[in-house]
Protein backbone atom coordinates (compact mmCIF):
# COMPACT_ATOMS: atom_id res chain seq x y z
CA MET A 1 15.94 26.78 20.05
CA PRO A 2 17.21 27.15 16.64
CA VAL A 3 15.11 27.18 13.66
CA ASN A 4 16.57 24.28 11.88
CA GLU A 5 16.02 22.67 15.13
CA PRO A 6 12.47 22.49 16.25
CA ALA A 7 11.58 21.16 19.64
CA THR A 8 9.42 18.50 18.35
CA ASP A 9 11.86 16.88 16.89
CA ILE A 10 12.74 13.02 18.16
CA ARG A 11 15.09 10.39 18.93
CA ILE A 12 14.72 6.76 18.71
CA ARG A 13 15.15 5.45 22.10
CA ARG A 14 13.43 1.71 21.69
CA VAL A 15 12.14 -0.55 18.61
CA THR A 16 10.72 -3.77 19.41
CA ALA A 17 9.31 -5.98 17.03
CA HIS A 18 6.13 -8.90 16.81
CA TYR A 19 5.16 -11.45 14.35
CA PRO A 20 2.61 -12.88 14.57
CA PHE A 21 1.50 -15.50 11.53
CA VAL A 22 -1.55 -14.81 10.00
CA ARG A 23 -3.70 -17.08 7.39
CA ALA A 24 -5.83 -16.58 4.71
CA ARG A 25 -9.61 -17.03 4.57
CA THR A 26 -9.71 -17.48 1.02
CA PRO A 27 -6.32 -17.87 -1.32
CA LEU A 28 -5.35 -14.72 -2.87
CA LYS A 29 -3.73 -14.71 -6.02
CA PHE A 30 -2.57 -12.22 -7.81
CA GLY A 31 0.62 -12.39 -10.90
CA ASN A 32 1.49 -15.90 -10.96
CA VAL A 33 2.12 -16.50 -7.30
CA VAL A 34 -0.77 -17.65 -4.32
CA VAL A 35 -0.91 -16.34 -0.71
CA ASP A 36 -2.24 -18.33 2.02
CA ALA A 37 -0.32 -17.51 5.28
CA LEU A 38 2.05 -15.11 6.19
CA ASP A 39 4.33 -12.83 8.96
CA PHE A 40 2.02 -9.94 10.04
CA CYS A 41 4.82 -7.75 11.20
CA HIS A 42 4.37 -5.50 14.27
CA VAL A 43 6.79 -2.55 15.64
CA ASN A 44 6.45 -0.56 18.58
CA VAL A 45 8.94 2.29 19.09
CA GLU A 46 9.72 4.54 22.18
CA VAL A 47 10.93 8.47 21.33
CA GLU A 48 11.73 10.78 22.74
CA ASN A 49 11.41 15.11 21.50
CA ARG A 50 13.77 17.69 22.14
CA ARG A 51 11.82 18.79 25.10
CA GLY A 52 12.16 15.29 27.28
CA ARG A 53 9.04 13.78 26.53
CA VAL A 54 8.76 10.24 25.54
CA ALA A 55 5.69 9.07 24.00
CA GLU A 56 5.34 5.03 22.16
CA GLY A 57 4.09 4.22 18.26
CA TRP A 58 2.96 1.34 16.39
CA GLY A 59 3.23 0.45 12.98
CA ALA A 60 2.68 -3.00 11.02
CA MET A 61 3.08 -4.55 7.56
CA LEU A 62 2.84 -7.90 5.91
CA LEU A 63 6.04 -8.90 5.35
CA MET A 64 4.62 -10.12 1.57
CA ASP A 65 7.66 -11.68 0.41
CA ASN A 66 5.29 -13.03 -2.75
CA TRP A 67 4.48 -9.40 -3.57
CA ALA A 68 8.14 -7.96 -2.72
CA TRP A 69 10.46 -10.87 -3.63
CA PRO A 70 9.03 -12.84 -6.21
CA THR A 71 11.31 -15.26 -8.03
CA ALA A 72 11.65 -19.06 -8.13
CA ALA A 73 15.37 -18.93 -6.77
CA VAL A 74 14.70 -19.01 -3.60
CA PRO A 75 12.21 -21.05 -1.67
CA HIS A 76 9.34 -19.29 -0.18
CA ASP A 77 10.12 -20.73 3.54
CA GLN A 78 13.52 -18.70 3.23
CA ARG A 79 12.29 -15.86 1.89
CA ALA A 80 9.80 -15.53 4.99
CA VAL A 81 12.76 -15.68 6.97
CA ALA A 82 14.94 -13.38 5.65
CA MET A 83 12.53 -10.87 5.59
CA ARG A 84 12.00 -11.87 9.10
CA GLU A 85 15.56 -11.48 10.29
CA LEU A 86 16.33 -8.28 8.42
CA ASN A 87 13.27 -6.37 9.63
CA ARG A 88 14.90 -7.48 13.21
CA ARG A 89 18.23 -5.89 12.03
CA LEU A 90 16.37 -3.02 10.96
CA CYS A 91 14.85 -2.51 14.06
CA LEU A 92 18.42 -2.04 15.34
CA LEU A 93 19.56 0.14 12.28
CA PHE A 94 17.08 2.49 13.30
CA GLU A 95 17.39 1.93 17.43
CA ALA A 96 21.42 2.66 16.94
CA TYR A 97 20.73 6.13 14.92
CA ASP A 98 21.04 9.21 17.95
CA ASP A 99 20.18 12.02 16.09
CA PHE A 100 17.01 14.10 16.49
CA GLY A 101 14.83 14.83 13.53
CA HIS A 102 11.89 14.56 11.84
CA PRO A 103 10.46 10.67 10.93
CA ILE A 104 10.84 11.97 7.31
CA ASP A 105 14.28 12.92 7.77
CA ILE A 106 15.08 10.06 9.83
CA PHE A 107 13.86 7.54 7.23
CA LEU A 108 15.27 9.36 4.29
CA ARG A 109 18.51 9.08 6.07
CA VAL A 110 19.05 5.47 7.49
CA GLU A 111 17.07 4.34 3.74
CA GLY A 112 20.63 4.48 2.73
CA MET A 113 22.26 2.01 5.18
CA MET A 114 19.25 -0.54 4.58
CA GLN A 115 20.46 -2.96 1.52
CA ASP A 116 23.68 -3.37 3.47
CA ALA A 117 21.66 -5.03 6.09
CA ALA A 118 19.42 -6.64 3.29
CA GLN A 119 22.72 -7.97 1.77
CA ALA A 120 24.04 -9.18 4.97
CA VAL A 121 21.08 -11.67 5.85
CA CYS A 122 21.14 -13.13 1.78
CA ARG A 123 25.00 -13.72 2.33
CA GLU A 124 24.73 -15.01 5.80
CA ARG A 125 22.36 -17.48 5.10
CA ALA A 126 23.65 -18.30 1.66
CA LEU A 127 20.45 -17.48 -0.49
CA ALA A 128 21.07 -17.96 -4.36
CA GLU A 129 19.37 -14.09 -5.06
CA GLU A 130 19.99 -11.29 -2.98
CA MET A 131 16.47 -9.32 -1.35
CA PRO A 132 15.57 -6.53 -3.81
CA PHE A 133 15.32 -3.21 -2.45
CA LEU A 134 11.75 -3.62 -2.71
CA GLY A 135 11.89 -6.28 -0.36
CA THR A 136 14.08 -4.27 1.88
CA LEU A 137 11.67 -1.19 2.28
CA VAL A 138 8.56 -3.68 3.14
CA CYS A 139 10.85 -5.23 6.13
CA ALA A 140 11.72 -1.01 6.86
CA SER A 141 7.69 0.35 6.44
CA PRO A 142 5.82 -0.66 9.80
CA ILE A 143 9.31 0.97 11.61
CA ASP A 144 8.48 3.76 9.38
CA LEU A 145 5.10 3.77 10.34
CA ALA A 146 5.44 3.64 14.02
CA LEU A 147 8.10 6.59 14.10
CA HIS A 148 5.55 8.68 12.19
CA ASP A 149 2.65 7.81 14.59
CA ALA A 150 5.26 8.04 17.58
CA PHE A 151 6.01 11.48 16.40
CA GLY A 152 2.50 12.81 16.60
CA HIS A 153 2.02 11.10 20.89
CA VAL A 154 5.01 12.71 21.74
CA ASN A 155 4.11 16.10 20.82
CA GLY A 156 0.28 15.66 20.92
CA ILE A 157 -0.52 15.73 17.69
CA ASP A 158 -2.12 14.52 14.56
CA SER A 159 0.82 13.45 12.88
CA TRP A 160 -0.63 14.58 9.34
CA THR A 161 -0.38 18.44 10.70
CA GLY A 162 3.07 18.05 11.50
CA TYR A 163 4.61 18.06 8.12
CA ILE A 164 4.97 22.04 8.21
CA SER A 165 7.78 24.29 8.86
CA ASP A 166 7.10 24.16 12.17
CA PHE A 167 7.45 20.75 12.89
CA MET A 168 10.24 20.14 9.85
CA ALA A 169 13.97 21.29 9.86
CA ASN A 170 14.11 20.92 6.04
CA ASP A 171 11.96 21.64 3.07
CA LEU A 172 11.26 19.38 0.17
CA SER A 173 13.96 20.98 -1.39
CA VAL A 174 16.99 18.67 0.52
CA HIS A 175 14.88 15.31 -1.58
CA LEU A 176 13.48 16.94 -4.63
CA GLY A 177 16.12 19.61 -5.51
CA ASP A 178 15.52 23.42 -5.93
CA ASP A 179 12.64 23.68 -7.59
CA PHE A 180 10.70 22.34 -4.01
CA ARG A 181 12.53 25.03 -2.13
CA GLY A 182 10.23 26.51 0.46
CA ALA A 183 7.96 24.29 -0.14
CA TRP A 184 6.76 21.34 2.54
CA ILE A 185 4.91 18.15 2.86
CA GLY A 186 2.13 19.81 4.41
CA ASP A 187 1.29 21.63 1.21
CA PHE A 188 0.42 18.65 -0.69
CA VAL A 189 -1.36 17.18 2.63
CA HIS A 190 -4.94 17.59 3.15
CA PRO A 191 -7.55 17.57 5.75
CA MET A 192 -9.04 14.04 6.34
CA PRO A 193 -13.17 13.71 4.35
CA PRO A 194 -15.40 11.80 6.15
CA ARG A 195 -15.95 8.80 3.59
CA ILE A 196 -13.93 7.74 0.84
CA GLU A 197 -13.93 5.59 -1.77
CA ALA A 198 -12.51 1.71 -1.05
CA PHE A 199 -11.34 -0.98 -4.08
CA HIS A 200 -12.65 -3.92 -3.54
CA LEU A 201 -9.79 -6.90 -5.39
CA VAL A 202 -11.34 -9.46 -7.59
CA GLY A 203 -8.60 -12.05 -7.09
CA GLY A 204 -7.82 -14.43 -9.66
CA LEU A 205 -9.19 -17.16 -7.94
CA ASP A 206 -12.22 -15.57 -6.60
CA LYS A 207 -15.37 -16.31 -7.24
CA LEU A 208 -17.82 -14.34 -9.19
CA ARG A 209 -21.44 -15.61 -8.71
CA ALA A 210 -22.86 -17.55 -5.73
CA ALA A 211 -23.50 -20.93 -7.81
CA GLU A 212 -19.51 -21.33 -8.07
CA ILE A 213 -19.19 -21.61 -4.33
CA THR A 214 -18.86 -24.97 -2.85
CA PRO A 215 -18.93 -26.98 0.37
CA ASP A 216 -15.41 -26.37 0.91
CA ASP A 217 -15.18 -22.41 0.40
CA PRO A 218 -15.89 -20.58 4.26
CA HIS A 219 -18.83 -20.64 6.39
CA ASP A 220 -18.05 -17.66 8.76
CA GLY A 221 -21.07 -15.41 7.50
CA LEU A 222 -19.00 -13.28 5.06
CA PRO A 223 -19.64 -13.11 1.47
CA ILE A 224 -17.94 -15.51 -1.08
CA SER A 225 -19.08 -14.43 -4.24
CA LEU A 226 -18.43 -11.18 -6.06
CA ASP A 227 -22.27 -10.87 -6.62
CA GLN A 228 -22.40 -11.60 -2.86
CA TRP A 229 -20.12 -9.05 -2.09
CA ILE A 230 -21.87 -6.42 -4.09
CA ARG A 231 -24.90 -7.22 -2.42
CA HIS A 232 -23.24 -6.64 1.05
CA GLU A 233 -21.58 -3.84 0.62
CA HIS A 234 -22.56 -1.60 -2.20
CA LEU A 235 -19.38 -1.91 -3.96
CA HIS A 236 -18.57 0.68 -6.52
CA CYS A 237 -14.69 0.35 -7.52
CA LEU A 238 -13.44 -2.98 -8.18
CA LYS A 239 -9.81 -4.22 -8.59
CA VAL A 240 -10.30 -7.21 -11.15
CA LYS A 241 -6.30 -9.02 -11.02
CA LEU A 242 -5.89 -10.73 -14.92
CA LYS A 243 -3.36 -12.95 -15.90
CA GLY A 244 -1.36 -11.02 -18.33
CA THR A 245 -0.57 -14.41 -20.41
CA ASP A 246 -4.08 -15.34 -21.38
CA LEU A 247 -5.54 -12.74 -23.47
CA ALA A 248 -8.89 -14.58 -24.00
CA TRP A 249 -9.19 -14.92 -20.26
CA ASP A 250 -8.36 -12.04 -19.39
CA LEU A 251 -10.86 -10.18 -21.73
CA TRP A 252 -14.08 -13.15 -20.48
CA ARG A 253 -12.67 -11.96 -16.50
CA LEU A 254 -13.06 -7.84 -17.20
CA HIS A 255 -16.38 -8.07 -18.88
CA GLU A 256 -17.75 -10.87 -16.42
CA VAL A 257 -16.64 -8.49 -13.58
CA ALA A 258 -18.63 -5.46 -15.24
CA ARG A 259 -21.88 -7.56 -16.29
CA ILE A 260 -22.24 -9.03 -13.01
CA ALA A 261 -21.53 -5.57 -11.16
CA ARG A 262 -24.07 -3.91 -13.41
CA GLU A 263 -26.93 -6.80 -12.59
CA GLU A 264 -25.98 -6.01 -8.79
CA HIS A 265 -25.98 -2.63 -9.18
CA GLU A 266 -29.96 -2.63 -11.60
CA ALA A 267 -30.76 -4.94 -9.21
CA LEU A 268 -29.80 -2.57 -6.09
CA GLY A 269 -30.75 0.84 -7.71
CA LEU A 270 -26.99 1.89 -7.25
CA SER A 271 -24.96 4.67 -10.00
CA GLY A 272 -21.51 4.95 -10.04
CA LEU A 273 -18.97 1.75 -10.99
CA TRP A 274 -15.67 2.15 -11.62
CA PHE A 275 -12.72 -0.43 -12.41
CA SER A 276 -9.21 -0.65 -12.44
CA ALA A 277 -6.80 -3.68 -13.69
CA ASP A 278 -3.81 -5.07 -13.01
CA THR A 279 -1.48 -7.83 -14.19
CA ASN A 280 0.98 -7.76 -11.29
CA GLU A 281 4.09 -7.43 -14.14
CA GLN A 282 2.66 -10.73 -16.33
CA ALA A 283 2.68 -9.02 -19.81
CA GLU A 284 5.16 -9.60 -21.81
CA SER A 285 4.87 -5.80 -23.63
CA PRO A 286 2.76 -2.68 -23.58
CA ASP A 287 0.98 -4.38 -26.74
CA TYR A 288 -0.52 -7.25 -24.97
CA CYS A 289 -2.45 -4.67 -22.86
CA ILE A 290 -3.32 -2.09 -26.03
CA GLU A 291 -5.02 -5.57 -27.72
CA LEU A 292 -7.06 -6.48 -24.19
CA LEU A 293 -8.60 -2.57 -24.01
CA ARG A 294 -8.51 -2.35 -27.92
CA ARG A 295 -11.13 -5.75 -27.50
CA LEU A 296 -12.77 -4.79 -24.41
CA ARG A 297 -13.66 -1.38 -26.21
CA GLU A 298 -15.57 -3.44 -28.70
CA LEU A 299 -16.78 -5.94 -26.52
CA ASP A 300 -18.41 -3.79 -23.66
CA PRO A 301 -17.79 -0.07 -24.25
CA PRO A 302 -19.29 0.77 -20.46
CA ALA A 303 -16.51 -1.26 -19.01
CA TYR A 304 -14.25 0.06 -21.36
CA ASP A 305 -15.20 3.89 -20.44
CA ALA A 306 -15.40 2.69 -16.65
CA LEU A 307 -12.02 1.51 -16.41
CA LEU A 308 -9.90 3.75 -14.41
CA TYR A 309 -6.29 2.78 -15.21
CA LEU A 310 -4.03 0.14 -15.61
CA GLU A 311 -1.79 -1.34 -13.20
CA GLN A 312 2.22 -2.04 -13.47
CA PRO A 313 1.37 -4.36 -16.62
CA THR A 314 4.49 -5.24 -17.31
CA SER A 315 7.72 -6.55 -16.03
CA ARG A 316 8.60 -4.79 -12.63
CA ASP A 317 12.52 -4.37 -14.44
CA LEU A 318 11.95 -0.56 -15.52
CA HIS A 319 15.59 -0.17 -16.66
CA GLY A 320 16.08 -3.59 -18.55
CA THR A 321 12.94 -3.56 -20.38
CA ARG A 322 12.56 0.42 -21.06
CA PHE A 323 9.15 -0.13 -22.64
CA ASP A 324 7.62 2.91 -24.72
CA MET A 325 4.58 3.40 -22.64
CA ARG A 326 2.76 5.91 -24.50
CA ALA A 327 0.73 4.44 -27.21
CA LEU A 328 -1.33 2.09 -23.96
CA ALA A 329 -1.00 5.26 -21.85
CA ARG A 330 -3.15 6.80 -24.83
CA LEU A 331 -5.98 5.11 -24.42
CA LYS A 332 -6.02 4.19 -20.33
CA PRO A 333 -3.44 5.86 -17.65
CA VAL A 334 -0.87 3.03 -17.41
CA LEU A 335 0.68 3.35 -13.53
CA ILE A 336 3.70 2.31 -11.92
CA ASP A 337 4.02 0.18 -9.14
CA GLU A 338 6.37 -3.01 -7.93
CA SER A 339 8.66 -0.77 -10.79
CA LEU A 340 8.75 2.25 -7.93
CA THR A 341 11.21 2.71 -5.15
CA THR A 342 13.74 5.62 -5.66
CA LEU A 343 12.59 8.84 -7.04
CA ALA A 344 15.56 7.70 -9.85
CA ASP A 345 12.35 4.84 -11.10
CA LEU A 346 10.03 7.98 -10.85
CA GLN A 347 11.71 9.54 -13.53
CA LEU A 348 12.83 6.90 -15.64
CA ALA A 349 8.80 5.90 -15.62
CA MET A 350 8.00 9.41 -16.75
CA GLU A 351 10.93 9.65 -19.75
CA THR A 352 9.18 6.33 -20.78
CA GLY A 353 5.62 7.30 -21.00
CA TRP A 354 3.68 5.77 -17.83
CA SER A 355 1.04 8.28 -16.69
CA GLY A 356 1.63 7.96 -13.16
CA LEU A 357 2.98 5.84 -9.99
CA ALA A 358 0.62 3.92 -7.25
CA LEU A 359 1.92 4.19 -3.54
CA LYS A 360 2.08 1.91 -1.03
CA ALA A 361 2.30 2.30 3.17
CA CYS A 362 4.74 -1.15 2.58
CA LYS A 363 7.01 1.01 0.53
CA SER A 364 7.53 3.77 3.46
CA ILE A 365 4.61 6.56 4.57
CA SER A 366 7.70 9.02 4.23
CA ALA A 367 8.67 8.08 0.93
CA SER A 368 5.41 8.22 -0.20
CA LEU A 369 4.72 11.63 1.04
CA VAL A 370 7.63 12.53 -0.64
CA PHE A 371 6.33 10.70 -3.83
CA ALA A 372 3.31 12.46 -4.01
CA ALA A 373 4.35 16.01 -3.88
CA LYS A 374 6.40 15.12 -6.64
CA ALA A 375 3.75 13.69 -8.69
CA GLN A 376 0.85 16.65 -7.44
CA ARG A 377 3.73 18.81 -8.67
CA MET A 378 4.25 17.64 -12.04
CA GLY A 379 0.28 17.01 -12.50
CA VAL A 380 -0.20 13.16 -12.74
CA PRO A 381 -2.27 10.87 -11.37
CA TYR A 382 -1.45 8.81 -8.59
CA THR A 383 -2.86 6.11 -6.59
CA VAL A 384 -3.04 4.33 -2.87
CA GLN A 385 -2.63 0.52 -2.67
CA ASP A 386 -2.68 -1.76 0.59
CA LEU A 387 -0.80 -4.73 0.08
CA THR A 388 -4.04 -6.38 1.38
CA ASN A 389 -3.24 -5.14 4.99
CA PRO A 390 -5.33 -5.89 7.57
CA GLY A 391 -5.08 -4.30 11.40
CA ILE A 392 -3.61 -1.13 11.58
CA ALA A 393 -1.44 -1.05 8.48
CA LEU A 394 -4.59 -0.86 6.73
CA LEU A 395 -5.19 2.38 9.42
CA ALA A 396 -1.99 3.27 7.44
CA SER A 397 -3.16 3.20 4.30
CA VAL A 398 -6.66 4.49 4.62
CA GLY A 399 -4.85 7.49 6.44
CA LEU A 400 -2.12 8.17 3.45
CA ALA A 401 -5.30 8.01 0.91
CA ALA A 402 -7.52 9.96 3.03
CA HIS A 403 -5.13 13.20 3.50
CA LEU A 404 -3.71 12.88 -0.46
CA ASN A 405 -5.94 13.73 -3.54
CA PRO A 406 -5.48 10.28 -4.94
CA LEU A 407 -7.21 9.35 -8.49
CA MET A 408 -9.74 7.56 -6.21
CA GLY A 409 -10.07 5.94 -2.78
CA VAL A 410 -7.90 3.53 -1.85
CA GLU A 411 -7.43 -0.48 -2.07
CA ALA A 412 -9.09 -2.15 0.84
CA ASN A 413 -8.70 -5.79 0.92
CA SER A 414 -7.81 -7.44 4.28
CA ARG A 415 -11.72 -7.74 4.88
CA GLN A 416 -12.21 -10.17 1.87
CA PHE A 417 -8.69 -12.33 2.73
CA PHE A 418 -7.58 -11.54 6.30
CA PRO A 419 -11.00 -10.59 8.05
CA GLN A 420 -9.61 -12.30 11.51
CA ALA A 421 -6.47 -10.33 11.46
CA ASN A 422 -8.64 -6.90 11.53
CA GLU A 423 -10.10 -8.06 14.90
CA PRO A 424 -9.87 -5.77 17.52
CA GLU A 425 -8.83 -2.94 15.26
CA ALA A 426 -12.90 -3.69 14.06
CA ARG A 427 -14.02 -2.89 17.13
CA VAL A 428 -12.35 0.79 17.51
CA HIS A 429 -12.77 1.42 13.74
CA PRO A 430 -15.56 -0.32 12.36
CA GLY A 431 -16.26 1.78 9.33
CA VAL A 432 -13.07 1.05 8.67
CA PHE A 433 -13.09 -2.48 8.25
CA HIS A 434 -17.01 -2.54 7.58
CA LEU A 435 -17.84 -1.23 4.09
CA HIS A 436 -20.89 0.95 3.83
CA ASP A 437 -22.09 1.73 0.17
CA GLY A 438 -18.78 1.20 -0.98
CA ARG A 439 -17.52 3.37 1.51
CA ILE A 440 -14.66 4.01 3.92
CA ASP A 441 -15.71 5.74 6.94
CA THR A 442 -12.70 7.38 8.25
CA SER A 443 -14.66 9.32 11.21
CA SER A 444 -12.74 6.87 13.85
CA MET A 445 -9.63 7.98 12.88
CA THR A 446 -9.20 10.50 15.62
CA GLY A 447 -6.48 11.90 18.36
CA ALA A 448 -2.91 12.07 18.46
CA GLY A 449 -0.63 9.97 15.92
CA LEU A 450 -1.82 8.60 12.96
CA GLY A 451 -5.01 7.88 14.54
CA VAL A 452 -5.05 4.19 15.27
CA ARG A 453 -6.43 4.45 18.75
CA TRP A 454 -4.00 1.70 20.07
CA ASP A 455 -4.63 2.24 23.51
CA GLU A 456 -7.97 1.04 22.50
CA ILE A 457 -7.71 -1.60 20.54
CA GLY A 458 -5.91 -3.49 23.08
CA ARG A 459 -3.95 -5.86 20.73
CA THR A 460 -1.20 -7.31 22.80
CA PHE A 461 1.72 -9.94 22.00
CA SER A 462 3.63 -11.83 24.28
CA PHE A 463 7.45 -11.59 24.57
């Protein structure tokens, strides 16, 4: 076998998608949108390797148009239908790709054809606005995850061990240039620790204290308010959603969240508290966040000190705004998220003073691994966020964060907003979906593929 054709390379035989509809337990508010229900796409792929072995893999992702394609020009229901249709066409596109390769190489080769499919969907449906590439990536991401999972199964390996020269024809120079000649994804992937920190989301509509709970809130045995969640799971890491348009409210929200967390920690005898803040692009300029941080430092120095980073404070139109982020980044790290879909985006972010980047499996695990290698070589911070994904989609995010070296832990919000969609996965992976001491227990994520253990989960779909 030639060295550039590993026997472990795979070829896609079949791609099948399923679209169960899920409803939020409580409304999820971020930026200026509220999410209450959406499609939870599951993709099954069948692949064969060069040895003729055949196996299946699974991937999943919420088709969250509210985040990936927020626009007033196209109603939510039309965007949701378009994303579901695009996912179907991308399944066919990947199914038609007949060459052998590593999942990363396959995905990044097909990636260049995906936006044509998105344009076709929007044109045929006469939509007033074209789906952005971020939306296209979300539609493609469950396929990508399924390929990585199937790659491990067909070769009888943990997929996270399959990013070295023994399993890949191409080193990172193919994607990142000559500086990465002789470097492999596996050089930047680490063994999975038994536990990792989990960030709990404090959404824009979330109750902070038990006294705010009303009869209209869920009565399912799970916490409702922030103070209840901290007592229930001994949380250490909180991601606070801000308005970005109301400085007084945002300052109050950060201070109040910090105050409640400190009170609960003192009562429980806990130590270690960290925050992140996210305006989801709503701040008109970096100056808004500079002033917010200045006031927070005056009002609540411990909260300011515990704030790890800011996530995507300004518009995702990075090329149009070209804000200079250096003054803000001197106060706290500021990470690019919605703006980041290509290596060119990352380069511009670094040129304009952003501190680092947020990775998401919903932008594809293939690209996220390449971005992570680039970030680690540059020495810039990065995080792993989860798009509030439940089930095996969360398992993918946890696996990504656990095998890399993010700023801290991983975001894990579905237990708050989509707990019903975490079954039956939670029975196989209880430590992932129910936190202990604010952390995720990864010990159940074992075996071939991405460690999701699909056969044991037993989730079924009707055809």
